[in-house]
Amino acid sequence: MKWQDRQNWRRLRSGMSKGEVTDLLGEPDKIDNFGVLGEEWHYGYLTGGKVSFSSNEKIDSWREP
């Protein structure tokens, strides 16, 4: 699983697109959609990391697993 490789997480950059994140980490296990506030993608939901997207669908922040 791509998301389990920490080197992939370290390639993330603010402003990356959802497609770029999927290329690096694979498909998320869970997506929380907050409408106009954006989304959070969860990898390894309880013990993994997450990627937060702003309303323009670009990375706002992330937390490595």
C-alpha atoms as a PDB file:
ATOM      1  CA  MET A   1       0.000   0.000   0.000  1.00  0.00           C
ATOM      2  CA  LYS A   2       1.477   3.292  -1.119  1.00  0.00           C
ATOM      3  CA  TRP A   3       0.253   5.247   1.895  1.00  0.00           C
ATOM      4  CA  GLN A   4       2.295   3.097   4.278  1.00  0.00           C
ATOM      5  CA  ASP A   5       5.571   4.344   2.753  1.00  0.00           C
ATOM      6  CA  ARG A   6       6.642   7.445   4.697  1.00  0.00           C
ATOM      7  CA  GLN A   7       8.697   8.657   1.744  1.00  0.00           C
ATOM      8  CA  ASN A   8       5.458   9.117  -0.190  1.00  0.00           C
ATOM      9  CA  TRP A   9       4.058  11.291   2.604  1.00  0.00           C
ATOM     10  CA  ARG A  10       7.209  13.398   2.534  1.00  0.00           C
ATOM     11  CA  ARG A  11       6.625  14.161  -1.145  1.00  0.00           C
ATOM     12  CA  LEU A  12       3.318  15.892  -0.374  1.00  0.00           C
ATOM     13  CA  ARG A  13       3.226  19.658  -0.834  1.00  0.00           C
ATOM     14  CA  SER A  14       0.592  22.287  -0.122  1.00  0.00           C
ATOM     15  CA  GLY A  15      -1.463  23.029  -3.204  1.00  0.00           C
ATOM     16  CA  MET A  16      -1.196  19.545  -4.741  1.00  0.00           C
ATOM     17  CA  SER A  17      -4.309  18.230  -6.488  1.00  0.00           C
ATOM     18  CA  LYS A  18      -6.366  15.212  -5.480  1.00  0.00           C
ATOM     19  CA  GLY A  19      -4.993  13.341  -8.497  1.00  0.00           C
ATOM     20  CA  GLU A  20      -1.420  13.992  -7.388  1.00  0.00           C
ATOM     21  CA  VAL A  21      -2.231  12.731  -3.895  1.00  0.00           C
ATOM     22  CA  THR A  22      -3.862   9.595  -5.293  1.00  0.00           C
ATOM     23  CA  ASP A  23      -0.751   8.967  -7.416  1.00  0.00           C
ATOM     24  CA  LEU A  24       1.467   9.176  -4.304  1.00  0.00           C
ATOM     25  CA  LEU A  25      -0.692   7.539  -1.631  1.00  0.00           C
ATOM     26  CA  GLY A  26      -3.352   5.563  -3.491  1.00  0.00           C
ATOM     27  CA  GLU A  27      -7.083   5.709  -2.850  1.00  0.00           C
ATOM     28  CA  PRO A  28      -8.098   6.789   0.679  1.00  0.00           C
ATOM     29  CA  ASP A  29      -9.862   4.394   3.038  1.00  0.00           C
ATOM     30  CA  LYS A  30     -12.409   7.045   4.017  1.00  0.00           C
ATOM     31  CA  ILE A  31     -13.396  10.517   2.815  1.00  0.00           C
ATOM     32  CA  ASP A  32     -15.097  13.113   5.009  1.00  0.00           C
ATOM     33  CA  ASN A  33     -16.751  15.787   2.872  1.00  0.00           C
ATOM     34  CA  PHE A  34     -17.434  19.121   4.566  1.00  0.00           C
ATOM     35  CA  GLY A  35     -19.045  20.815   1.565  1.00  0.00           C
ATOM     36  CA  VAL A  36     -17.711  24.330   0.997  1.00  0.00           C
ATOM     37  CA  LEU A  37     -15.133  23.773   3.764  1.00  0.00           C
ATOM     38  CA  GLY A  38     -13.346  21.003   1.847  1.00  0.00           C
ATOM     39  CA  GLU A  39     -12.564  17.329   2.483  1.00  0.00           C
ATOM     40  CA  GLU A  40     -10.371  15.077   4.590  1.00  0.00           C
ATOM     41  CA  TRP A  41      -8.959  11.873   3.144  1.00  0.00           C
ATOM     42  CA  HIS A  42      -8.076   9.195   5.692  1.00  0.00           C
ATOM     43  CA  TYR A  43      -5.516   6.454   5.157  1.00  0.00           C
ATOM     44  CA  GLY A  44      -5.502   3.607   7.653  1.00  0.00           C
ATOM     45  CA  TYR A  45      -8.400   5.463   9.241  1.00  0.00           C
ATOM     46  CA  LEU A  46      -7.754   5.082  13.001  1.00  0.00           C
ATOM     47  CA  THR A  47      -3.968   4.762  13.068  1.00  0.00           C
ATOM     48  CA  GLY A  48      -3.007   6.205   9.717  1.00  0.00           C
ATOM     49  CA  GLY A  49      -2.622   9.657   8.284  1.00  0.00           C
ATOM     50  CA  LYS A  50      -4.934  12.179   6.714  1.00  0.00           C
ATOM     51  CA  VAL A  51      -4.842  14.767   3.987  1.00  0.00           C
ATOM     52  CA  SER A  52      -7.043  17.864   4.181  1.00  0.00           C
ATOM     53  CA  PHE A  53      -8.189  19.654   1.055  1.00  0.00           C
ATOM     54  CA  SER A  54      -9.537  23.193   0.910  1.00  0.00           C
ATOM     55  CA  SER A  55     -12.642  24.101  -1.056  1.00  0.00           C
ATOM     56  CA  ASN A  56     -10.516  24.564  -4.214  1.00  0.00           C
ATOM     57  CA  GLU A  57      -9.633  20.818  -4.013  1.00  0.00           C
ATOM     58  CA  LYS A  58      -5.942  21.445  -3.286  1.00  0.00           C
ATOM     59  CA  ILE A  59      -3.970  20.185  -0.266  1.00  0.00           C
ATOM     60  CA  ASP A  60      -4.352  22.453   2.725  1.00  0.00           C
ATOM     61  CA  SER A  61      -2.554  20.268   5.320  1.00  0.00           C
ATOM     62  CA  TRP A  62      -1.730  16.662   6.189  1.00  0.00           C
ATOM     63  CA  ARG A  63      -0.696  14.410   9.055  1.00  0.00           C
ATOM     64  CA  GLU A  64       1.594  11.458   8.443  1.00  0.00           C
ATOM     65  CA  PRO A  65       0.696   8.090   9.977  1.00  0.00           C
END
